[in-house]
C-alpha cells in the first residue's frame, strides 16, 4: 500500500469514529443539558473537519515536482497542519467563551440546569474511543513520517483529554447536587484551555516549517558528523537545512584536495549524498558544494 493510500485509510478510520461520536455527543449534550458535553461535541466536529483537510492536502502533497514546484508539493502537508492548529484554536476559543458566559450567569445568581447521566456516558465513551484513535493514528503517522497525520492524532488525543475534563465536570455536577452545577461550564473552560495549548504547539511547528526554520541543532550536528566521517573531506560549512513536508533538505559546502581529479571529487560528493539519504530517507534533498584546497 502506498504512503498516500495508507494515510487515507488511517484518516478515514478516524473520520468514521468522529462522525459517530460527534452525533452522539450533540444528542447527549442537548438531551443531557450539558455545556461541557456540547463543548466536547464541537471539538469532535472540528476533528472531523480536520480529517477532511488531511485527505485534501495529502493528496496534493504527494504530487511530484513540476515546473512550478521544483522541490515538490510537500509544503501542502505543512499547510494542512497549520490549518488544523487554527481550527483547534478556533474551537477552543468558542468553548471558553461559552463556558465563561454560563459561569458569569451562575455568578449573577442564575441556577444552571443539572446535566443528565446520558452526558456522562457520552464523555466516558469518547475517552475510550478517542484514545484508541490517537494511538492508532500517531503510530502510523510516525511510521509514515506525516506531519499532518501526527497533528491529526493530537487532535484525537486532545478530544480524549477534553472528554476527561467533561466527565469530571458532568459527574461532579450530577453527584454533588444542584449547588455544584457550575462544575459543568467550568469543565468546559478547562477543556478549552487545554485545547489552546495543543493548538499553540501545532501552530508553532507548522509556522516554523513554513518559514524555513532550520532543523534542530542535534540533527544538524549529526549531519556534520556524517560528512566528517569521510576521511578525505575537510571543514564542512555553510550548512543549511529545512523541512519540506515529510522530507528534509540539506545543503552544505565541503573542502577537498584541489589536486584530486574531478571524477574523484564528484564520486565523493555522490557518496556523501547517498549516506545522507540512507540516514534521513531516500526523498531527502541533498546539495553538496565542493571547494578545492591545497593538499
Protein backbone atom coordinates (compact mmCIF):
# COMPACT_ATOMS: atom_id res chain seq x y z
CA UNK A 1 0.00 0.00 0.00
CA UNK A 2 1.38 3.42 -0.97
CA UNK A 3 2.03 6.13 1.61
CA UNK A 4 -0.87 8.19 0.28
CA UNK A 5 -3.33 5.28 0.49
CA UNK A 6 -2.15 4.39 3.99
CA UNK A 7 -2.73 7.98 5.14
CA UNK A 8 -6.18 7.90 3.56
CA UNK A 9 -7.04 4.64 5.30
CA UNK A 10 -5.96 5.83 8.74
CA UNK A 11 -7.70 9.19 8.30
CA UNK A 12 -10.95 7.56 7.14
CA UNK A 13 -10.96 5.31 10.21
CA UNK A 14 -10.64 8.43 12.37
CA UNK A 15 -13.35 10.19 10.38
CA UNK A 16 -15.79 7.34 10.92
CA UNK A 17 -15.13 7.45 14.66
CA UNK A 18 -15.55 11.22 14.72
CA UNK A 19 -18.88 11.13 12.89
CA UNK A 20 -20.31 8.59 15.33
CA UNK A 21 -19.00 10.45 18.37
CA UNK A 22 -19.99 13.96 17.36
CA UNK A 23 -23.53 12.77 16.57
CA UNK A 24 -23.85 11.02 19.93
CA UNK A 25 -22.27 13.96 21.79
CA UNK A 26 -24.59 16.55 20.28
CA UNK A 27 -27.59 14.37 21.18
CA UNK A 28 -26.26 13.72 24.69
CA UNK A 29 -25.34 17.38 25.20
CA UNK A 30 -28.78 18.56 24.08
CA UNK A 31 -30.87 15.98 25.90
CA UNK A 32 -28.49 15.92 28.87
CA UNK A 33 -28.41 19.74 29.27
CA UNK A 34 -24.61 19.78 29.46
CA UNK A 35 -22.43 22.71 28.35
CA UNK A 36 -19.33 20.58 28.80
CA UNK A 37 -20.70 17.89 26.51
CA UNK A 38 -21.75 20.43 23.88
CA UNK A 39 -18.21 21.83 24.02
CA UNK A 40 -16.87 18.31 23.60
CA UNK A 41 -19.21 17.80 20.62
CA UNK A 42 -17.88 20.96 18.96
CA UNK A 43 -14.37 19.62 19.44
CA UNK A 44 -15.32 16.35 17.75
CA UNK A 45 -16.83 18.34 14.88
CA UNK A 46 -13.53 20.19 14.45
CA UNK A 47 -11.80 16.77 14.44
CA UNK A 48 -13.99 15.66 11.55
CA UNK A 49 -13.30 18.85 9.59
CA UNK A 50 -9.55 18.44 10.05
CA UNK A 51 -9.83 14.86 8.77
CA UNK A 52 -11.22 16.36 5.57
CA UNK A 53 -8.28 18.80 5.42
CA UNK A 54 -5.78 15.97 5.76
CA UNK A 55 -7.40 14.00 2.93
CA UNK A 56 -7.37 17.00 0.60
CA UNK A 57 -3.89 18.34 1.34
CA UNK A 58 -2.10 14.99 1.49
CA UNK A 59 -3.46 14.24 -1.98
CA UNK A 60 -1.81 17.45 -3.19
CA UNK A 61 1.43 16.99 -1.22
CA UNK A 62 2.31 13.62 -2.80
CA UNK A 63 2.48 15.12 -6.28
CA UNK A 64 5.99 15.05 -7.71
CA UNK A 65 7.93 18.17 -8.61
CA UNK A 66 6.83 20.14 -11.66
CA UNK A 67 7.71 23.37 -13.43
CA UNK A 68 6.03 25.48 -10.75
CA UNK A 69 7.25 23.46 -7.73
CA UNK A 70 10.89 22.45 -8.15
CA UNK A 71 11.00 20.99 -4.64
CA UNK A 72 7.72 19.12 -4.90
CA UNK A 73 4.45 19.81 -3.08
CA UNK A 74 5.40 18.68 0.44
CA UNK A 75 4.65 22.08 1.95
CA UNK A 76 0.94 21.49 1.35
CA UNK A 77 1.05 18.87 4.11
CA UNK A 78 2.55 21.50 6.42
CA UNK A 79 -0.24 23.89 5.42
CA UNK A 80 -2.72 21.18 6.48
CA UNK A 81 -1.04 21.00 9.91
CA UNK A 82 -1.25 24.79 10.20
CA UNK A 83 -4.97 24.82 9.33
CA UNK A 84 -5.61 22.01 11.82
CA UNK A 85 -3.97 24.15 14.50
CA UNK A 86 -6.11 27.14 13.54
CA UNK A 87 -9.27 25.02 13.60
CA UNK A 88 -8.38 23.70 17.03
CA UNK A 89 -7.64 27.20 18.32
CA UNK A 90 -10.98 28.46 16.99
CA UNK A 91 -12.86 25.59 18.60
CA UNK A 92 -11.05 26.20 21.90
CA UNK A 93 -11.91 29.91 21.84
CA UNK A 94 -15.60 29.18 21.28
CA UNK A 95 -15.63 26.63 24.10
CA UNK A 96 -14.01 29.05 26.56
CA UNK A 97 -16.41 31.87 25.66
CA UNK A 98 -19.44 29.60 26.02
CA UNK A 99 -18.29 28.22 29.36
CA UNK A 100 -17.36 31.68 30.61
CA UNK A 101 -20.80 33.01 29.71
CA UNK A 102 -22.53 30.29 31.73
CA UNK A 103 -20.13 30.77 34.64
CA UNK A 104 -20.86 34.52 34.63
CA UNK A 105 -24.57 33.76 34.67
CA UNK A 106 -24.06 31.47 37.68
CA UNK A 107 -22.09 34.20 39.46
CA UNK A 108 -25.03 36.51 38.78
CA UNK A 109 -27.38 34.17 40.63
CA UNK A 110 -28.80 32.13 37.76
CA UNK A 111 -29.48 28.48 38.59
CA UNK A 112 -27.85 26.26 36.00
CA UNK A 113 -29.61 23.09 34.90
CA UNK A 114 -28.03 19.88 36.17
CA UNK A 115 -26.69 17.61 33.40
CA UNK A 116 -28.25 14.17 32.87
CA UNK A 117 -26.39 10.82 33.15
CA UNK A 118 -26.56 10.42 29.37
CA UNK A 119 -23.99 13.22 29.03
CA UNK A 120 -21.64 11.43 31.43
CA UNK A 121 -21.89 8.16 29.49
CA UNK A 122 -21.11 10.02 26.27
CA UNK A 123 -17.98 11.52 27.83
CA UNK A 124 -16.75 8.14 29.09
CA UNK A 125 -17.31 6.53 25.68
CA UNK A 126 -15.45 9.37 24.00
CA UNK A 127 -12.42 8.95 26.27
CA UNK A 128 -12.01 5.32 25.24
CA UNK A 129 -12.68 5.74 21.52
CA UNK A 130 -10.54 8.84 21.06
CA UNK A 131 -7.56 7.42 22.94
CA UNK A 132 -7.68 4.32 20.73
CA UNK A 133 -7.81 6.54 17.62
CA UNK A 134 -4.90 8.63 18.94
CA UNK A 135 -2.67 5.59 19.48
CA UNK A 136 -3.52 4.16 16.07
CA UNK A 137 -3.06 7.45 14.18
CA UNK A 138 0.12 8.65 15.88
CA UNK A 139 1.88 5.29 15.38
CA UNK A 140 1.02 5.22 11.69
CA UNK A 141 1.86 8.93 11.35
CA UNK A 142 5.34 8.39 12.79
CA UNK A 143 5.88 5.31 10.65
CA UNK A 144 4.90 7.28 7.53
CA UNK A 145 6.64 10.48 8.72
CA UNK A 146 3.49 12.52 8.12
CA UNK A 147 3.23 15.83 9.97
CA UNK A 148 -0.44 16.15 9.10
CA UNK A 149 -1.26 12.69 10.49
CA UNK A 150 0.64 13.33 13.70
CA UNK A 151 -1.13 16.68 14.10
CA UNK A 152 -4.44 14.93 13.49
CA UNK A 153 -3.52 12.27 16.06
CA UNK A 154 -3.05 15.02 18.66
CA UNK A 155 -6.49 16.27 17.72
CA UNK A 156 -7.78 12.82 18.76
CA UNK A 157 -5.75 12.93 22.00
CA UNK A 158 -6.93 16.45 22.82
CA UNK A 159 -10.51 15.27 22.32
CA UNK A 160 -9.88 12.42 24.75
CA UNK A 161 -8.44 14.90 27.27
CA UNK A 162 -11.37 17.24 26.79
CA UNK A 163 -13.73 14.33 27.40
CA UNK A 164 -11.93 13.60 30.66
CA UNK A 165 -12.49 17.20 31.72
CA UNK A 166 -16.12 16.98 30.62
CA UNK A 167 -16.62 13.71 32.51
CA UNK A 168 -15.23 15.22 35.72
CA UNK A 169 -17.40 18.32 35.43
CA UNK A 170 -20.55 16.44 34.43
CA UNK A 171 -20.00 13.73 37.04
CA UNK A 172 -19.37 16.31 39.75
CA UNK A 173 -22.48 18.29 38.81
CA UNK A 174 -24.60 15.12 38.90
CA UNK A 175 -23.21 13.60 42.09
CA UNK A 176 -22.84 16.76 44.20
CA UNK A 177 -26.28 18.22 43.55
CA UNK A 178 -27.73 21.46 42.21
CA UNK A 179 -25.33 23.73 44.12
CA UNK A 180 -22.46 22.33 42.04
CA UNK A 181 -23.95 22.50 38.56
CA UNK A 182 -21.35 25.22 37.87
CA UNK A 183 -18.78 22.40 37.56
CA UNK A 184 -20.18 21.64 34.12
CA UNK A 185 -19.32 25.02 32.48
CA UNK A 186 -16.09 25.20 34.50
CA UNK A 187 -15.09 21.86 32.99
CA UNK A 188 -15.77 23.23 29.52
CA UNK A 189 -13.43 26.18 30.23
CA UNK A 190 -10.67 23.82 31.38
CA UNK A 191 -11.19 21.76 28.22
CA UNK A 192 -10.88 24.91 26.12
CA UNK A 193 -7.63 25.94 27.80
CA UNK A 194 -6.11 22.51 27.20
CA UNK A 195 -7.02 22.79 23.53
CA UNK A 196 -5.37 26.21 23.29
CA UNK A 197 -2.06 24.63 24.43
CA UNK A 198 -2.31 21.83 21.87
CA UNK A 199 -3.21 24.29 19.10
CA UNK A 200 -0.29 26.57 20.01
CA UNK A 201 2.17 23.67 19.75
CA UNK A 202 0.82 22.63 16.34
CA UNK A 203 0.94 26.18 15.04
CA UNK A 204 4.48 26.73 16.31
CA UNK A 205 5.76 23.66 14.46
CA UNK A 206 3.96 24.33 11.19
CA UNK A 207 4.84 28.04 11.14
CA UNK A 208 8.48 27.10 11.72
CA UNK A 209 8.44 24.78 8.71
CA UNK A 210 6.58 27.26 6.50
CA UNK A 211 9.12 29.98 7.33
CA UNK A 212 12.06 27.71 6.50
CA UNK A 213 13.14 27.13 10.10
CA UNK A 214 16.35 25.10 10.36
CA UNK A 215 16.31 21.55 11.67
CA UNK A 216 17.12 21.12 15.40
CA UNK A 217 20.74 21.58 16.42
CA UNK A 218 21.20 17.89 17.28
CA UNK A 219 20.10 16.88 13.77
CA UNK A 220 22.44 19.42 12.15
CA UNK A 221 25.31 18.19 14.33
CA UNK A 222 24.57 14.64 13.20
CA UNK A 223 24.73 15.78 9.56
CA UNK A 224 28.12 17.40 10.16
CA UNK A 225 29.44 14.25 11.87
CA UNK A 226 28.26 12.09 8.98
CA UNK A 227 30.02 14.32 6.43
CA UNK A 228 33.19 14.37 8.53
CA UNK A 229 33.18 10.55 8.62
CA UNK A 230 34.67 10.66 5.10
CA UNK A 231 38.39 10.97 5.80
CA UNK A 232 39.29 12.91 2.63
CA UNK A 233 36.67 15.62 3.26
CA UNK A 234 37.56 18.72 5.25
CA UNK A 235 35.77 21.54 7.02
CA UNK A 236 32.07 21.13 6.22
CA UNK A 237 30.48 24.60 6.48
CA UNK A 238 27.60 26.78 5.27
CA UNK A 239 25.17 24.07 6.35
CA UNK A 240 21.54 24.91 5.54
CA UNK A 241 18.61 22.69 6.45
CA UNK A 242 14.81 22.82 6.35
CA UNK A 243 11.75 20.62 6.16
CA UNK A 244 9.69 20.19 3.00
CA UNK A 245 6.57 18.38 4.18
CA UNK A 246 7.60 14.88 5.25
CA UNK A 247 11.16 15.16 3.92
CA UNK A 248 14.13 17.39 4.63
CA UNK A 249 16.54 19.45 2.55
CA UNK A 250 20.29 19.61 3.28
CA UNK A 251 22.80 21.95 1.63
CA UNK A 252 26.46 22.09 2.64
CA UNK A 253 29.89 23.21 1.44
CA UNK A 254 32.88 20.89 1.95
CA UNK A 255 36.54 21.12 1.03
CA UNK A 256 38.77 18.53 -0.68
CA UNK A 257 42.30 18.41 -2.04
CA UNK A 258 42.32 20.63 -5.13
CA UNK A 259 44.85 18.36 -6.84
CA UNK A 260 42.43 15.43 -7.00
CA UNK A 261 40.85 14.55 -10.36
CA UNK A 262 37.34 15.89 -10.92
CA UNK A 263 35.80 12.42 -11.11
CA UNK A 264 37.09 11.53 -7.63
CA UNK A 265 35.66 14.73 -6.16
CA UNK A 266 32.36 14.05 -7.92
CA UNK A 267 32.27 10.48 -6.61
CA UNK A 268 32.89 11.71 -3.06
CA UNK A 269 30.03 14.24 -3.31
CA UNK A 270 27.78 11.44 -4.56
CA UNK A 271 28.86 9.17 -1.69
CA UNK A 272 28.05 11.89 0.87
CA UNK A 273 24.66 12.42 -0.77
CA UNK A 274 23.86 8.70 -0.65
CA UNK A 275 24.94 8.45 3.00
CA UNK A 276 22.65 11.34 3.96
CA UNK A 277 19.74 9.84 2.04
CA UNK A 278 20.32 6.49 3.67
CA UNK A 279 20.15 8.16 7.10
CA UNK A 280 17.31 10.64 6.53
CA UNK A 281 15.28 8.96 3.77
CA UNK A 282 15.57 8.48 0.00
CA UNK A 283 13.46 11.58 -0.69
CA UNK A 284 15.91 13.85 1.14
CA UNK A 285 17.05 16.79 -0.99
CA UNK A 286 20.86 16.99 -0.78
CA UNK A 287 23.15 19.56 -2.39
CA UNK A 288 26.90 19.29 -1.73
CA UNK A 289 29.15 22.08 -2.98
CA UNK A 290 32.81 21.02 -3.27
CA UNK A 291 35.60 23.59 -2.74
CA UNK A 292 39.28 22.96 -3.62
CA UNK A 293 42.09 23.46 -1.13
CA UNK A 294 45.82 22.89 -1.49
CA UNK A 295 46.84 19.39 -0.49
